[in-house]
Amino acid sequence: MKRYYFMIHFLPKEANLALLTGRCISIMHGFILKRDIQGVGVTLPAWSDLSIGNVIAFVHSDKKVLQMLKEQSYFEDMQNCGFFELTSVTAVPDNCEEVYFKRNQAIAKIFTGESRRRLKRLEKRALSRGETFNPQKCVVSREFDVFHRIAISSNSNQNDYILHIQKQKGGTKVGSTFSNYGFSSNEKFDGSVPDLSHLVMKL
């Protein structure tokens, strides 16, 4: 299956890359929900252990879908202001390896705020069943491979989220099912994306 992509390069030297990445993903999220589009993947070609990188790319099998996404006013405005540089919509090179950018919600559980929200949900469920809520404190030491955090704002429900994203090598292309934020997951979504890191220096 032929796939296409376009890249957005964040130009400011001093920029909150996670915030800009999240904003771009939020625009894509709203775009695909409004039009009931499936199969848009996100790849992060400048990813490293230290940073999420200053480039985001969107991948899809329909060139017209990506062209419409690229023409969203936020992207055009940021380009006109000199903050973004957008490439043309281009076919994915045949020699690209596949990678996964996975949302790992298990990582969120190690942070205090998320633990507090989970406890409130469990308490509410227990009380609705007429049970006494008495959580046992359990400290479990867990280690995770490198991950980066992306702040997402959803216009559909006015909520803010933190996405914890990890990169994994993919080998051959497995599938094209992605979440509405363009990522695969450890369970439901199996979509892989092309590793475009070798193209970043050509922007």
N, C-alpha and C. Protein backbone atom coordinates (compact mmCIF):
# COMPACT_ATOMS: atom_id res chain seq x y z
N MET A 1 0.84 -1.20 0.00
CA MET A 1 0.00 0.00 0.00
C MET A 1 0.88 1.26 0.00
N LYS A 2 0.60 2.15 -0.91
CA LYS A 2 1.36 3.40 -1.00
C LYS A 2 0.96 4.32 0.14
N ARG A 3 1.95 4.97 0.74
CA ARG A 3 1.67 5.93 1.80
C ARG A 3 2.36 7.26 1.49
N TYR A 4 1.81 8.32 2.07
CA TYR A 4 2.33 9.66 1.86
C TYR A 4 2.56 10.31 3.23
N TYR A 5 3.32 11.40 3.21
CA TYR A 5 3.60 12.11 4.45
C TYR A 5 3.87 13.57 4.16
N PHE A 6 3.75 14.39 5.18
CA PHE A 6 4.35 15.72 5.16
C PHE A 6 4.91 16.00 6.54
N MET A 7 5.98 16.79 6.57
CA MET A 7 6.66 17.11 7.83
C MET A 7 6.43 18.56 8.21
N ILE A 8 6.44 18.78 9.51
CA ILE A 8 6.42 20.13 10.07
C ILE A 8 7.68 20.28 10.91
N HIS A 9 8.48 21.27 10.57
CA HIS A 9 9.74 21.53 11.28
C HIS A 9 9.53 22.78 12.13
N PHE A 10 9.73 22.65 13.44
CA PHE A 10 9.60 23.79 14.34
C PHE A 10 10.88 24.62 14.28
N LEU A 11 10.76 25.88 13.88
CA LEU A 11 11.93 26.69 13.60
C LEU A 11 12.52 27.46 14.78
N PRO A 12 11.71 27.90 15.78
CA PRO A 12 12.30 28.68 16.87
C PRO A 12 13.38 27.89 17.61
N LYS A 13 14.49 28.55 17.92
CA LYS A 13 15.60 27.89 18.63
C LYS A 13 15.19 27.52 20.05
N GLU A 14 14.48 28.45 20.70
CA GLU A 14 14.00 28.20 22.06
C GLU A 14 12.50 27.95 21.98
N ALA A 15 12.12 26.71 22.01
CA ALA A 15 10.70 26.37 21.88
C ALA A 15 10.38 25.18 22.78
N ASN A 16 9.15 25.15 23.26
CA ASN A 16 8.66 24.00 24.01
C ASN A 16 8.19 22.97 22.99
N LEU A 17 9.08 22.04 22.67
CA LEU A 17 8.81 21.10 21.58
C LEU A 17 7.64 20.18 21.89
N ALA A 18 7.51 19.76 23.15
CA ALA A 18 6.40 18.89 23.53
C ALA A 18 5.07 19.61 23.37
N LEU A 19 5.07 20.91 23.68
CA LEU A 19 3.84 21.70 23.56
C LEU A 19 3.46 21.90 22.09
N LEU A 20 4.45 22.23 21.25
CA LEU A 20 4.18 22.40 19.82
C LEU A 20 3.73 21.09 19.18
N THR A 21 4.38 20.00 19.57
CA THR A 21 3.98 18.69 19.06
C THR A 21 2.54 18.39 19.44
N GLY A 22 2.21 18.66 20.69
CA GLY A 22 0.84 18.43 21.17
C GLY A 22 -0.18 19.28 20.44
N ARG A 23 0.18 20.51 20.16
CA ARG A 23 -0.74 21.40 19.45
C ARG A 23 -1.00 20.88 18.04
N CYS A 24 0.04 20.43 17.37
CA CYS A 24 -0.12 19.88 16.01
C CYS A 24 -1.01 18.63 16.03
N ILE A 25 -0.79 17.78 17.03
CA ILE A 25 -1.60 16.57 17.14
C ILE A 25 -3.05 16.91 17.45
N SER A 26 -3.28 17.94 18.28
CA SER A 26 -4.64 18.36 18.58
C SER A 26 -5.37 18.84 17.33
N ILE A 27 -4.65 19.58 16.46
CA ILE A 27 -5.25 20.02 15.20
C ILE A 27 -5.62 18.82 14.34
N MET A 28 -4.71 17.86 14.23
CA MET A 28 -4.99 16.64 13.46
C MET A 28 -6.17 15.88 14.07
N HIS A 29 -6.21 15.79 15.38
CA HIS A 29 -7.28 15.08 16.10
C HIS A 29 -8.65 15.66 15.74
N GLY A 30 -8.76 16.98 15.83
CA GLY A 30 -10.02 17.63 15.48
C GLY A 30 -10.38 17.45 14.01
N PHE A 31 -9.38 17.51 13.16
CA PHE A 31 -9.58 17.37 11.71
C PHE A 31 -10.14 15.99 11.36
N ILE A 32 -9.57 14.93 11.92
CA ILE A 32 -10.03 13.59 11.53
C ILE A 32 -11.37 13.23 12.18
N LEU A 33 -11.62 13.74 13.40
CA LEU A 33 -12.91 13.46 14.03
C LEU A 33 -14.05 14.13 13.27
N LYS A 34 -13.82 15.35 12.83
CA LYS A 34 -14.86 16.10 12.11
C LYS A 34 -15.23 15.42 10.80
N ARG A 35 -14.24 14.75 10.17
CA ARG A 35 -14.46 14.15 8.86
C ARG A 35 -14.52 12.62 8.90
N ASP A 36 -14.47 12.06 10.10
CA ASP A 36 -14.52 10.61 10.28
C ASP A 36 -13.45 9.90 9.45
N ILE A 37 -12.21 10.38 9.58
CA ILE A 37 -11.08 9.82 8.84
C ILE A 37 -10.32 8.85 9.75
N GLN A 38 -9.95 7.71 9.21
CA GLN A 38 -9.18 6.71 9.94
C GLN A 38 -7.79 6.58 9.33
N GLY A 39 -6.85 6.08 10.12
CA GLY A 39 -5.56 5.66 9.57
C GLY A 39 -4.49 6.73 9.44
N VAL A 40 -4.66 7.88 10.11
CA VAL A 40 -3.60 8.89 10.10
C VAL A 40 -2.62 8.57 11.21
N GLY A 41 -1.35 8.38 10.85
CA GLY A 41 -0.32 8.07 11.83
C GLY A 41 0.61 9.25 12.06
N VAL A 42 1.18 9.31 13.24
CA VAL A 42 2.16 10.34 13.61
C VAL A 42 3.53 9.70 13.72
N THR A 43 4.52 10.32 13.11
CA THR A 43 5.90 9.88 13.28
C THR A 43 6.75 11.08 13.68
N LEU A 44 7.76 10.84 14.49
CA LEU A 44 8.58 11.91 15.07
C LEU A 44 10.03 11.69 14.64
N PRO A 45 10.40 12.21 13.48
CA PRO A 45 11.69 11.88 12.85
C PRO A 45 12.92 12.38 13.59
N ALA A 46 12.78 13.40 14.45
CA ALA A 46 13.94 13.94 15.17
C ALA A 46 14.00 13.45 16.62
N TRP A 47 13.24 12.41 16.93
CA TRP A 47 13.20 11.82 18.28
C TRP A 47 14.58 11.38 18.72
N SER A 48 14.89 11.62 19.98
CA SER A 48 16.11 11.08 20.59
C SER A 48 15.80 10.74 22.05
N ASP A 49 16.75 10.13 22.73
CA ASP A 49 16.54 9.82 24.14
C ASP A 49 16.33 11.08 24.97
N LEU A 50 16.90 12.20 24.52
CA LEU A 50 16.86 13.43 25.30
C LEU A 50 15.69 14.34 24.94
N SER A 51 15.15 14.18 23.74
CA SER A 51 14.13 15.13 23.27
C SER A 51 13.15 14.45 22.32
N ILE A 52 11.93 14.98 22.32
CA ILE A 52 10.94 14.51 21.35
C ILE A 52 11.28 14.99 19.95
N GLY A 53 12.13 16.01 19.86
CA GLY A 53 12.59 16.49 18.57
C GLY A 53 11.77 17.66 18.04
N ASN A 54 12.31 18.34 17.06
CA ASN A 54 11.68 19.54 16.52
C ASN A 54 10.98 19.29 15.18
N VAL A 55 10.61 18.04 14.92
CA VAL A 55 9.91 17.69 13.68
C VAL A 55 8.79 16.71 13.99
N ILE A 56 7.64 16.95 13.39
CA ILE A 56 6.53 15.99 13.44
C ILE A 56 6.10 15.73 12.01
N ALA A 57 5.69 14.51 11.71
CA ALA A 57 5.19 14.18 10.37
C ALA A 57 3.90 13.38 10.49
N PHE A 58 3.01 13.60 9.54
CA PHE A 58 1.75 12.87 9.47
C PHE A 58 1.78 11.95 8.26
N VAL A 59 1.28 10.73 8.44
CA VAL A 59 1.35 9.69 7.40
C VAL A 59 -0.05 9.15 7.12
N HIS A 60 -0.36 8.96 5.83
CA HIS A 60 -1.66 8.39 5.47
C HIS A 60 -1.57 7.82 4.05
N SER A 61 -2.49 6.93 3.73
CA SER A 61 -2.50 6.32 2.40
C SER A 61 -3.17 7.20 1.34
N ASP A 62 -3.88 8.23 1.77
CA ASP A 62 -4.59 9.12 0.83
C ASP A 62 -3.90 10.48 0.80
N LYS A 63 -3.32 10.80 -0.31
CA LYS A 63 -2.58 12.05 -0.47
C LYS A 63 -3.49 13.26 -0.25
N LYS A 64 -4.74 13.17 -0.69
CA LYS A 64 -5.67 14.30 -0.56
C LYS A 64 -5.98 14.60 0.90
N VAL A 65 -6.09 13.56 1.72
CA VAL A 65 -6.35 13.75 3.15
C VAL A 65 -5.22 14.57 3.78
N LEU A 66 -3.98 14.20 3.46
CA LEU A 66 -2.85 14.93 4.02
C LEU A 66 -2.78 16.36 3.50
N GLN A 67 -3.13 16.55 2.24
CA GLN A 67 -3.12 17.91 1.70
C GLN A 67 -4.14 18.79 2.42
N MET A 68 -5.30 18.23 2.70
CA MET A 68 -6.33 18.97 3.44
C MET A 68 -5.87 19.26 4.86
N LEU A 69 -5.22 18.28 5.49
CA LEU A 69 -4.70 18.49 6.85
C LEU A 69 -3.64 19.58 6.85
N LYS A 70 -2.76 19.53 5.89
CA LYS A 70 -1.69 20.53 5.79
C LYS A 70 -2.24 21.94 5.63
N GLU A 71 -3.42 22.07 5.00
CA GLU A 71 -4.01 23.38 4.75
C GLU A 71 -4.85 23.91 5.91
N GLN A 72 -4.81 23.23 7.05
CA GLN A 72 -5.50 23.76 8.23
C GLN A 72 -4.90 25.11 8.62
N SER A 73 -5.75 26.02 9.04
CA SER A 73 -5.32 27.42 9.24
C SER A 73 -4.19 27.55 10.26
N TYR A 74 -4.18 26.71 11.29
CA TYR A 74 -3.12 26.81 12.30
C TYR A 74 -1.75 26.57 11.66
N PHE A 75 -1.64 25.54 10.84
CA PHE A 75 -0.37 25.23 10.20
C PHE A 75 0.04 26.35 9.24
N GLU A 76 -0.92 26.84 8.46
CA GLU A 76 -0.60 27.90 7.52
C GLU A 76 -0.21 29.19 8.23
N ASP A 77 -0.92 29.51 9.33
CA ASP A 77 -0.60 30.72 10.09
C ASP A 77 0.80 30.62 10.70
N MET A 78 1.13 29.48 11.27
CA MET A 78 2.44 29.30 11.90
C MET A 78 3.56 29.35 10.86
N GLN A 79 3.27 28.85 9.66
CA GLN A 79 4.25 28.93 8.60
C GLN A 79 4.43 30.37 8.13
N ASN A 80 3.33 31.09 7.99
CA ASN A 80 3.41 32.48 7.55
C ASN A 80 4.12 33.36 8.56
N CYS A 81 4.04 33.00 9.84
CA CYS A 81 4.72 33.77 10.90
C CYS A 81 6.19 33.38 11.04
N GLY A 82 6.62 32.37 10.31
CA GLY A 82 8.01 31.95 10.38
C GLY A 82 8.34 31.00 11.51
N PHE A 83 7.31 30.41 12.14
CA PHE A 83 7.53 29.47 13.25
C PHE A 83 7.65 28.02 12.76
N PHE A 84 6.95 27.71 11.67
CA PHE A 84 6.95 26.36 11.12
C PHE A 84 7.48 26.39 9.69
N GLU A 85 8.09 25.27 9.30
CA GLU A 85 8.39 25.02 7.89
C GLU A 85 7.71 23.70 7.51
N LEU A 86 6.85 23.73 6.51
CA LEU A 86 6.11 22.55 6.09
C LEU A 86 6.65 22.05 4.76
N THR A 87 6.82 20.75 4.66
CA THR A 87 7.23 20.16 3.40
C THR A 87 6.00 19.93 2.53
N SER A 88 6.21 19.56 1.31
CA SER A 88 5.10 19.15 0.45
C SER A 88 4.65 17.74 0.86
N VAL A 89 3.47 17.36 0.40
CA VAL A 89 2.99 16.00 0.63
C VAL A 89 3.70 15.09 -0.37
N THR A 90 4.44 14.11 0.17
CA THR A 90 5.34 13.31 -0.65
C THR A 90 5.14 11.82 -0.37
N ALA A 91 5.40 10.99 -1.36
CA ALA A 91 5.32 9.54 -1.16
C ALA A 91 6.42 9.07 -0.23
N VAL A 92 6.08 8.15 0.65
CA VAL A 92 7.07 7.57 1.56
C VAL A 92 8.08 6.76 0.75
N PRO A 93 9.37 7.00 0.94
CA PRO A 93 10.39 6.23 0.19
C PRO A 93 10.27 4.73 0.46
N ASP A 94 10.57 3.94 -0.55
CA ASP A 94 10.43 2.48 -0.43
C ASP A 94 11.40 1.87 0.57
N ASN A 95 12.52 2.54 0.83
CA ASN A 95 13.56 1.92 1.68
C ASN A 95 13.40 2.26 3.15
N CYS A 96 12.28 2.85 3.55
CA CYS A 96 12.10 3.24 4.96
C CYS A 96 11.83 2.01 5.84
N GLU A 97 12.50 1.97 6.97
CA GLU A 97 12.16 0.98 7.98
C GLU A 97 10.91 1.44 8.72
N GLU A 98 10.28 0.51 9.41
CA GLU A 98 9.07 0.82 10.16
C GLU A 98 9.37 0.99 11.64
N VAL A 99 8.67 1.92 12.28
CA VAL A 99 8.79 2.12 13.72
C VAL A 99 7.39 2.26 14.30
N TYR A 100 7.31 2.09 15.60
CA TYR A 100 6.07 2.33 16.33
C TYR A 100 6.28 3.50 17.27
N PHE A 101 5.33 4.41 17.29
CA PHE A 101 5.26 5.41 18.34
C PHE A 101 4.01 5.05 19.15
N LYS A 102 4.25 4.50 20.34
CA LYS A 102 3.16 3.93 21.12
C LYS A 102 2.81 4.79 22.33
N ARG A 103 1.51 4.95 22.52
CA ARG A 103 1.04 5.57 23.75
C ARG A 103 0.99 4.49 24.82
N ASN A 104 1.74 4.70 25.89
CA ASN A 104 1.79 3.74 26.99
C ASN A 104 1.15 4.35 28.22
N GLN A 105 -0.12 4.02 28.45
CA GLN A 105 -0.85 4.61 29.56
C GLN A 105 -0.38 4.08 30.91
N ALA A 106 0.34 2.96 30.92
CA ALA A 106 0.85 2.42 32.18
C ALA A 106 1.85 3.37 32.82
N ILE A 107 2.53 4.17 31.99
CA ILE A 107 3.52 5.11 32.52
C ILE A 107 2.84 6.17 33.37
N ALA A 108 1.64 6.58 32.97
CA ALA A 108 0.93 7.63 33.70
C ALA A 108 0.67 7.22 35.15
N LYS A 109 0.55 5.92 35.39
CA LYS A 109 0.21 5.44 36.73
C LYS A 109 1.31 5.66 37.75
N ILE A 110 2.54 5.95 37.28
CA ILE A 110 3.62 6.18 38.24
C ILE A 110 3.64 7.62 38.74
N PHE A 111 2.81 8.49 38.15
CA PHE A 111 2.78 9.88 38.57
C PHE A 111 1.66 10.11 39.57
N THR A 112 1.92 10.96 40.57
CA THR A 112 1.00 11.17 41.69
C THR A 112 -0.38 11.63 41.24
N GLY A 113 -0.44 12.59 40.33
CA GLY A 113 -1.73 13.13 39.89
C GLY A 113 -2.61 12.07 39.28
N GLU A 114 -2.02 11.21 38.45
CA GLU A 114 -2.79 10.14 37.82
C GLU A 114 -3.24 9.13 38.85
N SER A 115 -2.39 8.81 39.81
CA SER A 115 -2.77 7.87 40.88
C SER A 115 -3.96 8.40 41.67
N ARG A 116 -3.95 9.71 41.93
CA ARG A 116 -5.05 10.31 42.68
C ARG A 116 -6.35 10.22 41.89
N ARG A 117 -6.30 10.46 40.59
CA ARG A 117 -7.50 10.35 39.75
C ARG A 117 -8.02 8.91 39.71
N ARG A 118 -7.10 7.95 39.62
CA ARG A 118 -7.50 6.55 39.59
C ARG A 118 -8.18 6.15 40.89
N LEU A 119 -7.63 6.61 42.03
CA LEU A 119 -8.23 6.28 43.32
C LEU A 119 -9.63 6.87 43.45
N LYS A 120 -9.83 8.07 42.93
CA LYS A 120 -11.17 8.68 42.98
C LYS A 120 -12.17 7.88 42.15
N ARG A 121 -11.73 7.40 40.98
CA ARG A 121 -12.61 6.58 40.16
C ARG A 121 -12.97 5.28 40.87
N LEU A 122 -11.96 4.63 41.48
CA LEU A 122 -12.21 3.37 42.18
C LEU A 122 -13.13 3.57 43.39
N GLU A 123 -12.93 4.71 44.08
CA GLU A 123 -13.79 5.00 45.24
C GLU A 123 -15.24 5.18 44.80
N LYS A 124 -15.42 5.90 43.71
CA LYS A 124 -16.77 6.14 43.20
C LYS A 124 -17.46 4.83 42.82
N ARG A 125 -16.71 3.94 42.17
CA ARG A 125 -17.28 2.64 41.78
C ARG A 125 -17.64 1.80 43.01
N ALA A 126 -16.75 1.81 44.01
CA ALA A 126 -17.02 1.02 45.23
C ALA A 126 -18.25 1.53 45.95
N LEU A 127 -18.37 2.86 46.07
CA LEU A 127 -19.52 3.44 46.76
C LEU A 127 -20.82 3.16 46.01
N SER A 128 -20.76 3.15 44.67
CA SER A 128 -21.97 2.87 43.89
C SER A 128 -22.43 1.43 44.07
N ARG A 129 -21.48 0.55 44.43
CA ARG A 129 -21.83 -0.85 44.71
C ARG A 129 -22.18 -1.08 46.17
N GLY A 130 -22.11 0.00 46.96
CA GLY A 130 -22.41 -0.12 48.39
C GLY A 130 -21.28 -0.74 49.20
N GLU A 131 -20.07 -0.71 48.65
CA GLU A 131 -18.92 -1.29 49.33
C GLU A 131 -18.10 -0.21 50.03
N THR A 132 -17.34 -0.62 51.04
CA THR A 132 -16.43 0.28 51.71
C THR A 132 -15.15 0.38 50.89
N PHE A 133 -14.72 1.60 50.69
CA PHE A 133 -13.49 1.81 49.91
C PHE A 133 -12.31 1.93 50.86
N ASN A 134 -11.45 0.94 50.80
CA ASN A 134 -10.29 0.92 51.71
C ASN A 134 -9.06 0.46 50.92
N PRO A 135 -8.48 1.37 50.13
CA PRO A 135 -7.35 0.96 49.29
C PRO A 135 -6.11 0.62 50.12
N GLN A 136 -5.43 -0.41 49.69
CA GLN A 136 -4.18 -0.79 50.33
C GLN A 136 -3.03 -0.12 49.61
N LYS A 137 -2.17 0.53 50.37
CA LYS A 137 -1.03 1.18 49.76
C LYS A 137 -0.04 0.13 49.29
N CYS A 138 0.28 0.20 48.03
CA CYS A 138 1.18 -0.79 47.44
C CYS A 138 2.19 -0.06 46.57
N VAL A 139 3.42 -0.13 46.94
CA VAL A 139 4.47 0.54 46.18
C VAL A 139 5.15 -0.49 45.30
N VAL A 140 5.01 -0.33 44.01
CA VAL A 140 5.62 -1.25 43.06
C VAL A 140 6.65 -0.47 42.25
N SER A 141 7.86 -0.96 42.28
CA SER A 141 8.92 -0.31 41.51
C SER A 141 8.85 -0.79 40.07
N ARG A 142 8.70 0.17 39.14
CA ARG A 142 8.63 -0.19 37.73
C ARG A 142 9.62 0.66 36.95
N GLU A 143 10.22 0.04 35.97
CA GLU A 143 11.13 0.76 35.10
C GLU A 143 10.56 0.76 33.68
N PHE A 144 10.70 1.90 33.01
CA PHE A 144 10.22 2.02 31.64
C PHE A 144 11.36 2.46 30.75
N ASP A 145 11.31 2.03 29.50
CA ASP A 145 12.25 2.53 28.51
C ASP A 145 11.98 4.02 28.29
N VAL A 146 12.84 4.65 27.54
CA VAL A 146 12.73 6.09 27.29
C VAL A 146 11.33 6.45 26.79
N PHE A 147 10.77 7.51 27.35
CA PHE A 147 9.48 8.01 26.88
C PHE A 147 9.51 9.53 26.94
N HIS A 148 8.62 10.13 26.15
CA HIS A 148 8.44 11.58 26.19
C HIS A 148 6.97 11.87 26.42
N ARG A 149 6.71 13.03 27.01
CA ARG A 149 5.34 13.43 27.34
C ARG A 149 4.87 14.51 26.37
N ILE A 150 3.61 14.39 25.93
CA ILE A 150 3.01 15.36 25.03
C ILE A 150 1.72 15.86 25.65
N ALA A 151 1.59 17.18 25.74
CA ALA A 151 0.37 17.78 26.28
C ALA A 151 -0.64 17.96 25.15
N ILE A 152 -1.84 17.40 25.35
CA ILE A 152 -2.88 17.42 24.32
C ILE A 152 -4.12 18.12 24.87
N SER A 153 -4.71 18.98 24.05
CA SER A 153 -6.00 19.58 24.37
C SER A 153 -7.03 19.05 23.39
N SER A 154 -8.12 18.53 23.92
CA SER A 154 -9.17 17.98 23.06
C SER A 154 -10.34 18.95 23.00
N ASN A 155 -10.65 19.43 21.78
CA ASN A 155 -11.80 20.32 21.61
C ASN A 155 -13.12 19.58 21.74
N SER A 156 -13.10 18.26 21.55
CA SER A 156 -14.35 17.50 21.57
C SER A 156 -14.94 17.41 22.98
N ASN A 157 -14.06 17.30 24.00
CA ASN A 157 -14.60 17.21 25.36
C ASN A 157 -13.97 18.22 26.32
N GLN A 158 -13.17 19.15 25.76
CA GLN A 158 -12.58 20.24 26.54
C GLN A 158 -11.65 19.74 27.65
N ASN A 159 -11.10 18.55 27.50
CA ASN A 159 -10.17 18.01 28.49
C ASN A 159 -8.73 18.12 28.01
N ASP A 160 -7.82 18.19 28.96
CA ASP A 160 -6.39 18.17 28.66
C ASP A 160 -5.83 16.82 29.07
N TYR A 161 -4.90 16.32 28.27
CA TYR A 161 -4.30 15.02 28.53
C TYR A 161 -2.78 15.13 28.44
N ILE A 162 -2.12 14.20 29.10
CA ILE A 162 -0.70 14.00 28.89
C ILE A 162 -0.54 12.63 28.23
N LEU A 163 0.03 12.60 27.04
CA LEU A 163 0.30 11.33 26.36
C LEU A 163 1.74 10.94 26.63
N HIS A 164 1.95 9.72 27.08
CA HIS A 164 3.29 9.19 27.31
C HIS A 164 3.63 8.29 26.13
N ILE A 165 4.63 8.72 25.35
CA ILE A 165 4.92 8.07 24.08
C ILE A 165 6.30 7.40 24.12
N GLN A 166 6.35 6.19 23.58
CA GLN A 166 7.61 5.46 23.46
C GLN A 166 7.81 5.06 21.99
N LYS A 167 9.06 4.96 21.61
CA LYS A 167 9.41 4.56 20.25
C LYS A 167 9.96 3.14 20.26
N GLN A 168 9.50 2.32 19.31
CA GLN A 168 9.99 0.95 19.18
C GLN A 168 10.25 0.65 17.71
N LYS A 169 11.26 -0.15 17.47
CA LYS A 169 11.52 -0.58 16.09
C LYS A 169 10.42 -1.52 15.63
N GLY A 170 10.11 -1.42 14.32
CA GLY A 170 8.99 -2.19 13.82
C GLY A 170 9.34 -3.27 12.81
N GLY A 171 10.42 -3.07 12.04
CA GLY A 171 10.75 -4.05 11.01
C GLY A 171 9.86 -3.88 9.80
N THR A 172 9.00 -4.85 9.52
CA THR A 172 8.08 -4.74 8.39
C THR A 172 6.77 -4.12 8.85
N LYS A 173 6.05 -3.51 7.92
CA LYS A 173 4.81 -2.83 8.26
C LYS A 173 3.78 -3.85 8.72
N VAL A 174 3.18 -3.59 9.88
CA VAL A 174 2.22 -4.53 10.46
C VAL A 174 0.79 -4.11 10.19
N GLY A 175 0.47 -2.88 10.42
CA GLY A 175 -0.92 -2.45 10.25
C GLY A 175 -1.02 -0.94 10.19
N SER A 176 -2.24 -0.46 10.00
CA SER A 176 -2.44 0.98 9.88
C SER A 176 -3.55 1.46 10.79
N THR A 177 -3.77 0.77 11.89
CA THR A 177 -4.77 1.23 12.85
C THR A 177 -4.09 2.07 13.92
N PHE A 178 -4.57 3.29 14.04
CA PHE A 178 -4.01 4.24 15.00
C PHE A 178 -5.14 4.81 15.86
N SER A 179 -4.76 5.31 17.02
CA SER A 179 -5.72 6.03 17.84
C SER A 179 -6.06 7.35 17.16
N ASN A 180 -7.02 8.07 17.70
CA ASN A 180 -7.38 9.37 17.14
C ASN A 180 -6.31 10.42 17.38
N TYR A 181 -5.25 10.04 18.07
CA TYR A 181 -4.10 10.94 18.24
C TYR A 181 -2.93 10.51 17.36
N GLY A 182 -3.14 9.48 16.53
CA GLY A 182 -2.13 9.07 15.55
C GLY A 182 -1.09 8.10 16.04
N PHE A 183 -1.31 7.50 17.22
CA PHE A 183 -0.32 6.58 17.79
C PHE A 183 -0.85 5.16 17.86
N SER A 184 0.08 4.22 17.94
CA SER A 184 -0.29 2.84 18.22
C SER A 184 -0.33 2.65 19.73
N SER A 185 -0.65 1.46 20.17
CA SER A 185 -0.71 1.18 21.60
C SER A 185 -0.24 -0.25 21.83
N ASN A 186 -0.17 -0.63 23.08
CA ASN A 186 0.27 -1.99 23.41
C ASN A 186 -0.83 -3.02 23.16
N GLU A 187 -2.05 -2.56 22.93
CA GLU A 187 -3.15 -3.50 22.80
C GLU A 187 -3.97 -3.28 21.52
N LYS A 188 -4.77 -2.23 21.49
CA LYS A 188 -5.80 -2.07 20.44
C LYS A 188 -5.26 -1.65 19.08
N PHE A 189 -4.31 -0.75 19.06
CA PHE A 189 -3.87 -0.15 17.80
C PHE A 189 -2.49 -0.66 17.41
N ASP A 190 -2.39 -1.20 16.18
CA ASP A 190 -1.15 -1.87 15.77
C ASP A 190 -0.39 -1.12 14.68
N GLY A 191 -0.74 0.12 14.44
CA GLY A 191 -0.17 0.85 13.31
C GLY A 191 1.30 1.18 13.47
N SER A 192 2.06 0.91 12.41
CA SER A 192 3.45 1.32 12.36
C SER A 192 3.58 2.46 11.36
N VAL A 193 4.66 3.22 11.49
CA VAL A 193 4.89 4.37 10.61
C VAL A 193 6.31 4.30 10.06
N PRO A 194 6.56 4.95 8.93
CA PRO A 194 7.92 4.93 8.38
C PRO A 194 8.88 5.73 9.24
N ASP A 195 10.09 5.22 9.37
CA ASP A 195 11.16 5.95 10.06
C ASP A 195 11.74 6.97 9.07
N LEU A 196 11.38 8.21 9.26
CA LEU A 196 11.79 9.28 8.34
C LEU A 196 12.99 10.07 8.87
N SER A 197 13.68 9.51 9.86
CA SER A 197 14.76 10.26 10.50
C SER A 197 15.87 10.63 9.53
N HIS A 198 16.09 9.78 8.52
CA HIS A 198 17.18 10.07 7.57
C HIS A 198 16.83 11.22 6.63
N LEU A 199 15.56 11.67 6.65
CA LEU A 199 15.13 12.76 5.78
C LEU A 199 15.14 14.11 6.49
N VAL A 200 15.32 14.11 7.82
CA VAL A 200 15.20 15.35 8.59
C VAL A 200 16.21 16.38 8.16
N MET A 201 17.45 15.98 7.90
CA MET A 201 18.50 16.93 7.53
C MET A 201 18.27 17.54 6.15
N LYS A 202 17.32 16.96 5.38
CA LYS A 202 17.04 17.47 4.03
C LYS A 202 15.96 18.54 4.02
N LEU A 203 15.42 18.87 5.21
CA LEU A 203 14.38 19.90 5.26
C LEU A 203 14.94 21.25 4.82
